[in-house]
């Protein structure tokens, strides 16, 4: 099975983006990683979409789809609810699942 990347793209209101980014780094992402299901994580800034706020892509790498299915079943509802309760429409997320078909290191 191929690795899977769980990508969460979030458009963040400029008025809360610094606090949101700190909370993601210090609280939310460590909570997600503490599930023990993920191999790695990275935060990326998406450029070119600043008109409605600042956009970020949070990527979590998993060994396979079964690990992501387990995350969705056992952890995602609580963690997503915490994010919505804290930021509401000031940090709007959409999620995509990417399957790694090939990766070349230089």
PDB file of N, CA and C in Angstrom:
ATOM      1  N   UNK A   1       0.827  -1.192   0.000  1.00  0.00           N
ATOM      2  CA  UNK A   1       0.000   0.000   0.000  1.00  0.00           C
ATOM      3  C   UNK A   1       0.868   1.251   0.000  1.00  0.00           C
ATOM      4  N   UNK A   2       0.383   2.279  -0.631  1.00  0.00           N
ATOM      5  CA  UNK A   2       1.102   3.539  -0.722  1.00  0.00           C
ATOM      6  C   UNK A   2       0.809   4.441   0.463  1.00  0.00           C
ATOM      7  N   UNK A   3       1.770   5.305   0.764  1.00  0.00           N
ATOM      8  CA  UNK A   3       1.534   6.311   1.788  1.00  0.00           C
ATOM      9  C   UNK A   3       0.386   7.213   1.362  1.00  0.00           C
ATOM     10  N   UNK A   4      -0.249   7.812   2.368  1.00  0.00           N
ATOM     11  CA  UNK A   4      -1.368   8.706   2.148  1.00  0.00           C
ATOM     12  C   UNK A   4      -1.047  10.029   2.833  1.00  0.00           C
ATOM     13  N   UNK A   5      -1.400  11.134   2.169  1.00  0.00           N
ATOM     14  CA  UNK A   5      -1.279  12.454   2.786  1.00  0.00           C
ATOM     15  C   UNK A   5      -2.675  12.985   3.035  1.00  0.00           C
ATOM     16  N   UNK A   6      -2.948  13.287   4.279  1.00  0.00           N
ATOM     17  CA  UNK A   6      -4.203  13.920   4.667  1.00  0.00           C
ATOM     18  C   UNK A   6      -3.920  15.414   4.677  1.00  0.00           C
ATOM     19  N   UNK A   7      -4.504  16.132   3.727  1.00  0.00           N
ATOM     20  CA  UNK A   7      -4.235  17.559   3.534  1.00  0.00           C
ATOM     21  C   UNK A   7      -5.437  18.368   4.010  1.00  0.00           C
ATOM     22  N   UNK A   8      -5.191  19.287   4.932  1.00  0.00           N
ATOM     23  CA  UNK A   8      -6.239  20.167   5.434  1.00  0.00           C
ATOM     24  C   UNK A   8      -5.861  21.591   5.025  1.00  0.00           C
ATOM     25  N   UNK A   9      -6.645  22.173   4.123  1.00  0.00           N
ATOM     26  CA  UNK A   9      -6.409  23.539   3.667  1.00  0.00           C
ATOM     27  C   UNK A   9      -7.329  24.451   4.460  1.00  0.00           C
ATOM     28  N   UNK A  10      -6.744  25.496   5.049  1.00  0.00           N
ATOM     29  CA  UNK A  10      -7.503  26.372   5.931  1.00  0.00           C
ATOM     30  C   UNK A  10      -7.306  27.822   5.511  1.00  0.00           C
ATOM     31  N   UNK A  11      -8.418  28.520   5.286  1.00  0.00           N
ATOM     32  CA  UNK A  11      -8.391  29.958   5.027  1.00  0.00           C
ATOM     33  C   UNK A  11      -8.669  30.646   6.359  1.00  0.00           C
ATOM     34  N   UNK A  12      -7.709  31.449   6.819  1.00  0.00           N
ATOM     35  CA  UNK A  12      -7.754  32.028   8.157  1.00  0.00           C
ATOM     36  C   UNK A  12      -7.922  33.543   8.072  1.00  0.00           C
ATOM     37  N   UNK A  13      -8.858  34.061   8.854  1.00  0.00           N
ATOM     38  CA  UNK A  13      -9.074  35.504   8.954  1.00  0.00           C
ATOM     39  C   UNK A  13      -7.776  36.178   9.386  1.00  0.00           C
ATOM     40  N   UNK A  14      -7.377  37.252   8.692  1.00  0.00           N
ATOM     41  CA  UNK A  14      -6.118  37.925   9.046  1.00  0.00           C
ATOM     42  C   UNK A  14      -6.059  38.405  10.495  1.00  0.00           C
ATOM     43  N   UNK A  15      -7.213  38.688  11.093  1.00  0.00           N
ATOM     44  CA  UNK A  15      -7.249  39.174  12.471  1.00  0.00           C
ATOM     45  C   UNK A  15      -6.890  38.108  13.500  1.00  0.00           C
ATOM     46  N   UNK A  16      -6.977  36.834  13.127  1.00  0.00           N
ATOM     47  CA  UNK A  16      -6.670  35.762  14.083  1.00  0.00           C
ATOM     48  C   UNK A  16      -5.555  34.840  13.606  1.00  0.00           C
ATOM     49  N   UNK A  17      -4.988  35.119  12.424  1.00  0.00           N
ATOM     50  CA  UNK A  17      -4.091  34.126  11.837  1.00  0.00           C
ATOM     51  C   UNK A  17      -2.848  33.861  12.694  1.00  0.00           C
ATOM     52  N   UNK A  18      -2.268  34.871  13.338  1.00  0.00           N
ATOM     53  CA  UNK A  18      -1.060  34.638  14.153  1.00  0.00           C
ATOM     54  C   UNK A  18      -1.392  33.750  15.356  1.00  0.00           C
ATOM     55  N   UNK A  19      -2.505  34.033  16.011  1.00  0.00           N
ATOM     56  CA  UNK A  19      -2.920  33.229  17.170  1.00  0.00           C
ATOM     57  C   UNK A  19      -3.290  31.817  16.718  1.00  0.00           C
ATOM     58  N   UNK A  20      -3.996  31.715  15.567  1.00  0.00           N
ATOM     59  CA  UNK A  20      -4.382  30.413  15.031  1.00  0.00           C
ATOM     60  C   UNK A  20      -3.142  29.571  14.722  1.00  0.00           C
ATOM     61  N   UNK A  21      -2.159  30.171  14.061  1.00  0.00           N
ATOM     62  CA  UNK A  21      -0.946  29.437  13.697  1.00  0.00           C
ATOM     63  C   UNK A  21      -0.212  28.950  14.941  1.00  0.00           C
ATOM     64  N   UNK A  22      -0.134  29.778  15.950  1.00  0.00           N
ATOM     65  CA  UNK A  22       0.492  29.370  17.205  1.00  0.00           C
ATOM     66  C   UNK A  22      -0.284  28.217  17.843  1.00  0.00           C
ATOM     67  N   UNK A  23      -1.612  28.306  17.880  1.00  0.00           N
ATOM     68  CA  UNK A  23      -2.444  27.246  18.457  1.00  0.00           C
ATOM     69  C   UNK A  23      -2.277  25.946  17.677  1.00  0.00           C
ATOM     70  N   UNK A  24      -2.201  26.039  16.352  1.00  0.00           N
ATOM     71  CA  UNK A  24      -1.988  24.850  15.536  1.00  0.00           C
ATOM     72  C   UNK A  24      -0.662  24.184  15.898  1.00  0.00           C
ATOM     73  N   UNK A  25       0.395  25.001  15.991  1.00  0.00           N
ATOM     74  CA  UNK A  25       1.731  24.459  16.284  1.00  0.00           C
ATOM     75  C   UNK A  25       1.841  23.908  17.696  1.00  0.00           C
ATOM     76  N   UNK A  26       1.251  24.590  18.659  1.00  0.00           N
ATOM     77  CA  UNK A  26       1.442  24.256  20.071  1.00  0.00           C
ATOM     78  C   UNK A  26       0.406  23.285  20.631  1.00  0.00           C
ATOM     79  N   UNK A  27      -0.797  23.260  20.045  1.00  0.00           N
ATOM     80  CA  UNK A  27      -1.882  22.465  20.635  1.00  0.00           C
ATOM     81  C   UNK A  27      -2.451  21.451  19.641  1.00  0.00           C
ATOM     82  N   UNK A  28      -3.037  21.951  18.563  1.00  0.00           N
ATOM     83  CA  UNK A  28      -3.810  21.078  17.679  1.00  0.00           C
ATOM     84  C   UNK A  28      -2.960  20.000  16.995  1.00  0.00           C
ATOM     85  N   UNK A  29      -1.889  20.411  16.335  1.00  0.00           N
ATOM     86  CA  UNK A  29      -1.070  19.419  15.637  1.00  0.00           C
ATOM     87  C   UNK A  29      -0.455  18.412  16.606  1.00  0.00           C
ATOM     88  N   UNK A  30       0.077  18.846  17.764  1.00  0.00           N
ATOM     89  CA  UNK A  30       0.544  17.835  18.724  1.00  0.00           C
ATOM     90  C   UNK A  30      -0.563  16.866  19.156  1.00  0.00           C
ATOM     91  N   UNK A  31      -1.820  17.360  19.289  1.00  0.00           N
ATOM     92  CA  UNK A  31      -2.934  16.470  19.628  1.00  0.00           C
ATOM     93  C   UNK A  31      -3.177  15.452  18.524  1.00  0.00           C
ATOM     94  N   UNK A  32      -3.137  15.912  17.266  1.00  0.00           N
ATOM     95  CA  UNK A  32      -3.328  14.997  16.136  1.00  0.00           C
ATOM     96  C   UNK A  32      -2.209  13.958  16.114  1.00  0.00           C
ATOM     97  N   UNK A  33      -0.972  14.410  16.250  1.00  0.00           N
ATOM     98  CA  UNK A  33       0.164  13.482  16.188  1.00  0.00           C
ATOM     99  C   UNK A  33       0.201  12.521  17.364  1.00  0.00           C
ATOM    100  N   UNK A  34      -0.370  12.932  18.492  1.00  0.00           N
ATOM    101  CA  UNK A  34      -0.367  12.055  19.673  1.00  0.00           C
ATOM    102  C   UNK A  34      -1.244  10.821  19.489  1.00  0.00           C
ATOM    103  N   UNK A  35      -2.041  10.775  18.424  1.00  0.00           N
ATOM    104  CA  UNK A  35      -2.830   9.571  18.147  1.00  0.00           C
ATOM    105  C   UNK A  35      -1.935   8.397  17.780  1.00  0.00           C
ATOM    106  N   UNK A  36      -0.697   8.687  17.378  1.00  0.00           N
ATOM    107  CA  UNK A  36       0.227   7.633  17.002  1.00  0.00           C
ATOM    108  C   UNK A  36       0.007   7.061  15.613  1.00  0.00           C
ATOM    109  N   UNK A  37      -0.861   7.677  14.825  1.00  0.00           N
ATOM    110  CA  UNK A  37      -1.203   7.146  13.505  1.00  0.00           C
ATOM    111  C   UNK A  37      -0.392   7.764  12.374  1.00  0.00           C
ATOM    112  N   UNK A  38       0.272   8.865  12.641  1.00  0.00           N
ATOM    113  CA  UNK A  38       0.923   9.642  11.580  1.00  0.00           C
ATOM    114  C   UNK A  38       2.432   9.457  11.584  1.00  0.00           C
ATOM    115  N   UNK A  39       3.024   9.557  10.399  1.00  0.00           N
ATOM    116  CA  UNK A  39       4.473   9.445  10.240  1.00  0.00           C
ATOM    117  C   UNK A  39       5.155  10.804  10.337  1.00  0.00           C
ATOM    118  N   UNK A  40       4.501  11.844   9.806  1.00  0.00           N
ATOM    119  CA  UNK A  40       5.074  13.182   9.824  1.00  0.00           C
ATOM    120  C   UNK A  40       3.987  14.213   9.553  1.00  0.00           C
ATOM    121  N   UNK A  41       4.378  15.464   9.672  1.00  0.00           N
ATOM    122  CA  UNK A  41       3.456  16.578   9.484  1.00  0.00           C
ATOM    123  C   UNK A  41       4.234  17.769   8.953  1.00  0.00           C
ATOM    124  N   UNK A  42       3.557  18.610   8.193  1.00  0.00           N
ATOM    125  CA  UNK A  42       4.159  19.879   7.800  1.00  0.00           C
ATOM    126  C   UNK A  42       3.068  20.925   7.610  1.00  0.00           C
ATOM    127  N   UNK A  43       3.477  22.177   7.825  1.00  0.00           N
ATOM    128  CA  UNK A  43       2.599  23.322   7.619  1.00  0.00           C
ATOM    129  C   UNK A  43       3.149  24.085   6.417  1.00  0.00           C
ATOM    130  N   UNK A  44       2.283  24.384   5.468  1.00  0.00           N
ATOM    131  CA  UNK A  44       2.685  25.128   4.286  1.00  0.00           C
ATOM    132  C   UNK A  44       1.800  26.359   4.145  1.00  0.00           C
ATOM    133  N   UNK A  45       2.360  27.436   3.696  1.00  0.00           N
ATOM    134  CA  UNK A  45       1.601  28.648   3.408  1.00  0.00           C
ATOM    135  C   UNK A  45       1.256  28.627   1.930  1.00  0.00           C
ATOM    136  N   UNK A  46      -0.009  28.841   1.601  1.00  0.00           N
ATOM    137  CA  UNK A  46      -0.475  28.896   0.225  1.00  0.00           C
ATOM    138  C   UNK A  46      -0.463  30.357  -0.201  1.00  0.00           C
ATOM    139  N   UNK A  47       0.281  30.664  -1.250  1.00  0.00           N
ATOM    140  CA  UNK A  47       0.370  32.042  -1.741  1.00  0.00           C
ATOM    141  C   UNK A  47      -0.585  32.247  -2.910  1.00  0.00           C
ATOM    142  N   UNK A  48      -1.081  33.476  -3.027  1.00  0.00           N
ATOM    143  CA  UNK A  48      -1.944  33.813  -4.148  1.00  0.00           C
ATOM    144  C   UNK A  48      -3.417  33.841  -3.825  1.00  0.00           C
ATOM    145  N   UNK A  49      -3.789  33.561  -2.584  1.00  0.00           N
ATOM    146  CA  UNK A  49      -5.201  33.560  -2.194  1.00  0.00           C
ATOM    147  C   UNK A  49      -5.440  34.464  -0.991  1.00  0.00           C
ATOM    148  N   UNK A  50      -4.765  35.586  -0.928  1.00  0.00           N
ATOM    149  CA  UNK A  50      -4.812  36.427   0.263  1.00  0.00           C
ATOM    150  C   UNK A  50      -6.021  37.354   0.348  1.00  0.00           C
ATOM    151  N   UNK A  51      -6.843  37.430  -0.696  1.00  0.00           N
ATOM    152  CA  UNK A  51      -7.945  38.386  -0.683  1.00  0.00           C
ATOM    153  C   UNK A  51      -8.958  38.144   0.434  1.00  0.00           C
ATOM    154  N   UNK A  52      -9.169  36.907   0.832  1.00  0.00           N
ATOM    155  CA  UNK A  52     -10.135  36.591   1.885  1.00  0.00           C
ATOM    156  C   UNK A  52      -9.481  36.130   3.177  1.00  0.00           C
ATOM    157  N   UNK A  53      -8.185  36.269   3.278  1.00  0.00           N
ATOM    158  CA  UNK A  53      -7.464  35.806   4.455  1.00  0.00           C
ATOM    159  C   UNK A  53      -6.187  35.111   4.037  1.00  0.00           C
ATOM    160  N   UNK A  54      -5.542  34.533   5.000  1.00  0.00           N
ATOM    161  CA  UNK A  54      -4.304  33.805   4.743  1.00  0.00           C
ATOM    162  C   UNK A  54      -4.636  32.318   4.668  1.00  0.00           C
ATOM    163  N   UNK A  55      -4.036  31.647   3.700  1.00  0.00           N
ATOM    164  CA  UNK A  55      -4.363  30.240   3.484  1.00  0.00           C
ATOM    165  C   UNK A  55      -3.158  29.368   3.791  1.00  0.00           C
ATOM    166  N   UNK A  56      -3.430  28.275   4.491  1.00  0.00           N
ATOM    167  CA  UNK A  56      -2.400  27.318   4.882  1.00  0.00           C
ATOM    168  C   UNK A  56      -2.836  25.916   4.472  1.00  0.00           C
ATOM    169  N   UNK A  57      -1.867  25.072   4.188  1.00  0.00           N
ATOM    170  CA  UNK A  57      -2.108  23.649   3.976  1.00  0.00           C
ATOM    171  C   UNK A  57      -1.366  22.908   5.081  1.00  0.00           C
ATOM    172  N   UNK A  58      -2.107  22.145   5.840  1.00  0.00           N
ATOM    173  CA  UNK A  58      -1.525  21.322   6.895  1.00  0.00           C
ATOM    174  C   UNK A  58      -1.541  19.894   6.367  1.00  0.00           C
ATOM    175  N   UNK A  59      -0.367  19.287   6.249  1.00  0.00           N
ATOM    176  CA  UNK A  59      -0.287  17.947   5.691  1.00  0.00           C
ATOM    177  C   UNK A  59       0.202  16.953   6.729  1.00  0.00           C
ATOM    178  N   UNK A  60      -0.518  15.845   6.800  1.00  0.00           N
ATOM    179  CA  UNK A  60      -0.184  14.749   7.703  1.00  0.00           C
ATOM    180  C   UNK A  60       0.064  13.509   6.855  1.00  0.00           C
ATOM    181  N   UNK A  61       1.193  12.854   7.042  1.00  0.00           N
ATOM    182  CA  UNK A  61       1.545  11.670   6.263  1.00  0.00           C
ATOM    183  C   UNK A  61       1.246  10.417   7.089  1.00  0.00           C
ATOM    184  N   UNK A  62       0.590   9.463   6.441  1.00  0.00           N
ATOM    185  CA  UNK A  62       0.251   8.188   7.072  1.00  0.00           C
ATOM    186  C   UNK A  62       0.803   7.044   6.232  1.00  0.00           C
ATOM    187  N   UNK A  63       1.013   5.917   6.854  1.00  0.00           N
ATOM    188  CA  UNK A  63       1.568   4.754   6.159  1.00  0.00           C
ATOM    189  C   UNK A  63       0.624   4.212   5.096  1.00  0.00           C
ATOM    190  N   UNK A  64      -0.695   4.314   5.346  1.00  0.00           N
ATOM    191  CA  UNK A  64      -1.665   3.749   4.406  1.00  0.00           C
ATOM    192  C   UNK A  64      -3.071   4.273   4.717  1.00  0.00           C
ATOM    193  N   UNK A  65      -4.008   3.938   3.852  1.00  0.00           N
ATOM    194  CA  UNK A  65      -5.395   4.387   3.990  1.00  0.00           C
ATOM    195  C   UNK A  65      -6.046   3.837   5.254  1.00  0.00           C
ATOM    196  N   UNK A  66      -5.684   2.633   5.663  1.00  0.00           N
ATOM    197  CA  UNK A  66      -6.274   2.050   6.869  1.00  0.00           C
ATOM    198  C   UNK A  66      -5.988   2.900   8.106  1.00  0.00           C
ATOM    199  N   UNK A  67      -4.794   3.485   8.167  1.00  0.00           N
ATOM    200  CA  UNK A  67      -4.457   4.357   9.288  1.00  0.00           C
ATOM    201  C   UNK A  67      -5.325   5.619   9.260  1.00  0.00           C
ATOM    202  N   UNK A  68      -5.558   6.162   8.071  1.00  0.00           N
ATOM    203  CA  UNK A  68      -6.413   7.345   7.965  1.00  0.00           C
ATOM    204  C   UNK A  68      -7.851   7.000   8.323  1.00  0.00           C
ATOM    205  N   UNK A  69      -8.326   5.848   7.893  1.00  0.00           N
ATOM    206  CA  UNK A  69      -9.678   5.413   8.251  1.00  0.00           C
ATOM    207  C   UNK A  69      -9.824   5.318   9.768  1.00  0.00           C
ATOM    208  N   UNK A  70      -8.811   4.794  10.428  1.00  0.00           N
ATOM    209  CA  UNK A  70      -8.829   4.695  11.889  1.00  0.00           C
ATOM    210  C   UNK A  70      -8.874   6.093  12.516  1.00  0.00           C
ATOM    211  N   UNK A  71      -8.083   7.027  11.975  1.00  0.00           N
ATOM    212  CA  UNK A  71      -8.097   8.397  12.477  1.00  0.00           C
ATOM    213  C   UNK A  71      -9.496   9.004  12.336  1.00  0.00           C
ATOM    214  N   UNK A  72     -10.112   8.845  11.168  1.00  0.00           N
ATOM    215  CA  UNK A  72     -11.451   9.393  10.949  1.00  0.00           C
ATOM    216  C   UNK A  72     -12.463   8.806  11.925  1.00  0.00           C
ATOM    217  N   UNK A  73     -12.345   7.543  12.191  1.00  0.00           N
ATOM    218  CA  UNK A  73     -13.293   6.855  13.065  1.00  0.00           C
ATOM    219  C   UNK A  73     -13.107   7.213  14.538  1.00  0.00           C
ATOM    220  N   UNK A  74     -11.857   7.243  15.000  1.00  0.00           N
ATOM    221  CA  UNK A  74     -11.584   7.361  16.430  1.00  0.00           C
ATOM    222  C   UNK A  74     -11.227   8.761  16.917  1.00  0.00           C
ATOM    223  N   UNK A  75     -10.737   9.639  16.053  1.00  0.00           N
ATOM    224  CA  UNK A  75     -10.184  10.910  16.537  1.00  0.00           C
ATOM    225  C   UNK A  75     -10.686  12.161  15.829  1.00  0.00           C
ATOM    226  N   UNK A  76     -10.915  12.089  14.535  1.00  0.00           N
ATOM    227  CA  UNK A  76     -11.225  13.288  13.746  1.00  0.00           C
ATOM    228  C   UNK A  76     -12.440  14.067  14.246  1.00  0.00           C
ATOM    229  N   UNK A  77     -13.545  13.414  14.593  1.00  0.00           N
ATOM    230  CA  UNK A  77     -14.706  14.214  15.022  1.00  0.00           C
ATOM    231  C   UNK A  77     -14.396  15.138  16.210  1.00  0.00           C
ATOM    232  N   UNK A  78     -13.703  14.640  17.203  1.00  0.00           N
ATOM    233  CA  UNK A  78     -13.368  15.452  18.377  1.00  0.00           C
ATOM    234  C   UNK A  78     -12.404  16.577  18.017  1.00  0.00           C
ATOM    235  N   UNK A  79     -11.356  16.252  17.275  1.00  0.00           N
ATOM    236  CA  UNK A  79     -10.344  17.257  16.944  1.00  0.00           C
ATOM    237  C   UNK A  79     -10.898  18.330  16.010  1.00  0.00           C
ATOM    238  N   UNK A  80     -11.723  17.940  15.056  1.00  0.00           N
ATOM    239  CA  UNK A  80     -12.331  18.925  14.166  1.00  0.00           C
ATOM    240  C   UNK A  80     -13.314  19.805  14.926  1.00  0.00           C
ATOM    241  N   UNK A  81     -14.059  19.221  15.853  1.00  0.00           N
ATOM    242  CA  UNK A  81     -15.003  19.995  16.658  1.00  0.00           C
ATOM    243  C   UNK A  81     -14.285  21.031  17.518  1.00  0.00           C
ATOM    244  N   UNK A  82     -13.125  20.678  18.053  1.00  0.00           N
ATOM    245  CA  UNK A  82     -12.343  21.636  18.843  1.00  0.00           C
ATOM    246  C   UNK A  82     -11.916  22.827  17.987  1.00  0.00           C
ATOM    247  N   UNK A  83     -11.509  22.558  16.763  1.00  0.00           N
ATOM    248  CA  UNK A  83     -11.090  23.619  15.846  1.00  0.00           C
ATOM    249  C   UNK A  83     -12.271  24.547  15.532  1.00  0.00           C
ATOM    250  N   UNK A  84     -13.417  23.966  15.216  1.00  0.00           N
ATOM    251  CA  UNK A  84     -14.602  24.756  14.888  1.00  0.00           C
ATOM    252  C   UNK A  84     -15.069  25.550  16.102  1.00  0.00           C
ATOM    253  N   UNK A  85     -15.058  24.936  17.271  1.00  0.00           N
ATOM    254  CA  UNK A  85     -15.495  25.640  18.477  1.00  0.00           C
ATOM    255  C   UNK A  85     -14.594  26.837  18.780  1.00  0.00           C
ATOM    256  N   UNK A  86     -13.329  26.707  18.506  1.00  0.00           N
ATOM    257  CA  UNK A  86     -12.378  27.782  18.819  1.00  0.00           C
ATOM    258  C   UNK A  86     -12.396  28.904  17.777  1.00  0.00           C
ATOM    259  N   UNK A  87     -12.523  28.554  16.487  1.00  0.00           N
ATOM    260  CA  UNK A  87     -12.372  29.552  15.426  1.00  0.00           C
ATOM    261  C   UNK A  87     -13.598  29.768  14.545  1.00  0.00           C
ATOM    262  N   UNK A  88     -14.554  28.870  14.574  1.00  0.00           N
ATOM    263  CA  UNK A  88     -15.760  29.048  13.777  1.00  0.00           C
ATOM    264  C   UNK A  88     -15.451  29.382  12.330  1.00  0.00           C
ATOM    265  N   UNK A  89     -16.092  30.446  11.820  1.00  0.00           N
ATOM    266  CA  UNK A  89     -15.889  30.821  10.424  1.00  0.00           C
ATOM    267  C   UNK A  89     -14.660  31.706  10.221  1.00  0.00           C
ATOM    268  N   UNK A  90     -13.840  31.886  11.246  1.00  0.00           N
ATOM    269  CA  UNK A  90     -12.589  32.644  11.108  1.00  0.00           C
ATOM    270  C   UNK A  90     -11.439  31.766  10.612  1.00  0.00           C
ATOM    271  N   UNK A  91     -11.662  30.465  10.563  1.00  0.00           N
ATOM    272  CA  UNK A  91     -10.672  29.524  10.029  1.00  0.00           C
ATOM    273  C   UNK A  91     -11.445  28.373   9.385  1.00  0.00           C
ATOM    274  N   UNK A  92     -11.726  28.534   8.109  1.00  0.00           N
ATOM    275  CA  UNK A  92     -12.561  27.581   7.383  1.00  0.00           C
ATOM    276  C   UNK A  92     -11.672  26.561   6.680  1.00  0.00           C
ATOM    277  N   UNK A  93     -11.951  25.286   6.937  1.00  0.00           N
ATOM    278  CA  UNK A  93     -11.106  24.205   6.425  1.00  0.00           C
ATOM    279  C   UNK A  93     -11.835  23.356   5.399  1.00  0.00           C
ATOM    280  N   UNK A  94     -11.062  22.852   4.433  1.00  0.00           N
ATOM    281  CA  UNK A  94     -11.549  21.760   3.604  1.00  0.00           C
ATOM    282  C   UNK A  94     -10.430  20.736   3.488  1.00  0.00           C
ATOM    283  N   UNK A  95     -10.828  19.508   3.326  1.00  0.00           N
ATOM    284  CA  UNK A  95      -9.888  18.398   3.436  1.00  0.00           C
ATOM    285  C   UNK A  95      -9.813  17.598   2.144  1.00  0.00           C
ATOM    286  N   UNK A  96      -8.596  17.153   1.814  1.00  0.00           N
ATOM    287  CA  UNK A  96      -8.384  16.274   0.672  1.00  0.00           C
ATOM    288  C   UNK A  96      -7.459  15.145   1.096  1.00  0.00           C
ATOM    289  N   UNK A  97      -7.580  14.048   0.404  1.00  0.00           N
ATOM    290  CA  UNK A  97      -6.738  12.886   0.667  1.00  0.00           C
ATOM    291  C   UNK A  97      -5.907  12.632  -0.592  1.00  0.00           C
ATOM    292  N   UNK A  98      -4.601  12.571  -0.406  1.00  0.00           N
ATOM    293  CA  UNK A  98      -3.682  12.380  -1.513  1.00  0.00           C
ATOM    294  C   UNK A  98      -2.964  11.048  -1.339  1.00  0.00           C
ATOM    295  N   UNK A  99      -2.928  10.254  -2.391  1.00  0.00           N
ATOM    296  CA  UNK A  99      -2.183   9.005  -2.365  1.00  0.00           C
ATOM    297  C   UNK A  99      -0.848   9.227  -3.051  1.00  0.00           C
ATOM    298  N   UNK A 100       0.235   8.862  -2.398  1.00  0.00           N
ATOM    299  CA  UNK A 100       1.577   9.000  -2.964  1.00  0.00           C
ATOM    300  C   UNK A 100       1.803   7.836  -3.924  1.00  0.00           C
ATOM    301  N   UNK A 101       1.946   8.157  -5.202  1.00  0.00           N
ATOM    302  CA  UNK A 101       2.187   7.130  -6.211  1.00  0.00           C
ATOM    303  C   UNK A 101       3.667   6.978  -6.523  1.00  0.00           C
ATOM    304  N   UNK A 102       4.389   8.089  -6.414  1.00  0.00           N
ATOM    305  CA  UNK A 102       5.817   8.076  -6.697  1.00  0.00           C
ATOM    306  C   UNK A 102       6.454   9.235  -5.963  1.00  0.00           C
ATOM    307  N   UNK A 103       7.659   9.012  -5.450  1.00  0.00           N
ATOM    308  CA  UNK A 103       8.391  10.073  -4.782  1.00  0.00           C
ATOM    309  C   UNK A 103       9.877   9.898  -5.093  1.00  0.00           C
ATOM    310  N   UNK A 104      10.498  10.976  -5.531  1.00  0.00           N
ATOM    311  CA  UNK A 104      11.911  10.937  -5.881  1.00  0.00           C
ATOM    312  C   UNK A 104      12.651  11.970  -5.045  1.00  0.00           C
ATOM    313  N   UNK A 105      13.686  11.554  -4.371  1.00  0.00           N
ATOM    314  CA  UNK A 105      14.503  12.489  -3.607  1.00  0.00           C
ATOM    315  C   UNK A 105      15.745  12.834  -4.423  1.00  0.00           C
ATOM    316  N   UNK A 106      16.137  14.089  -4.372  1.00  0.00           N
ATOM    317  CA  UNK A 106      17.307  14.545  -5.125  1.00  0.00           C
ATOM    318  C   UNK A 106      18.478  14.786  -4.196  1.00  0.00           C
TER     319      UNK A 106
END
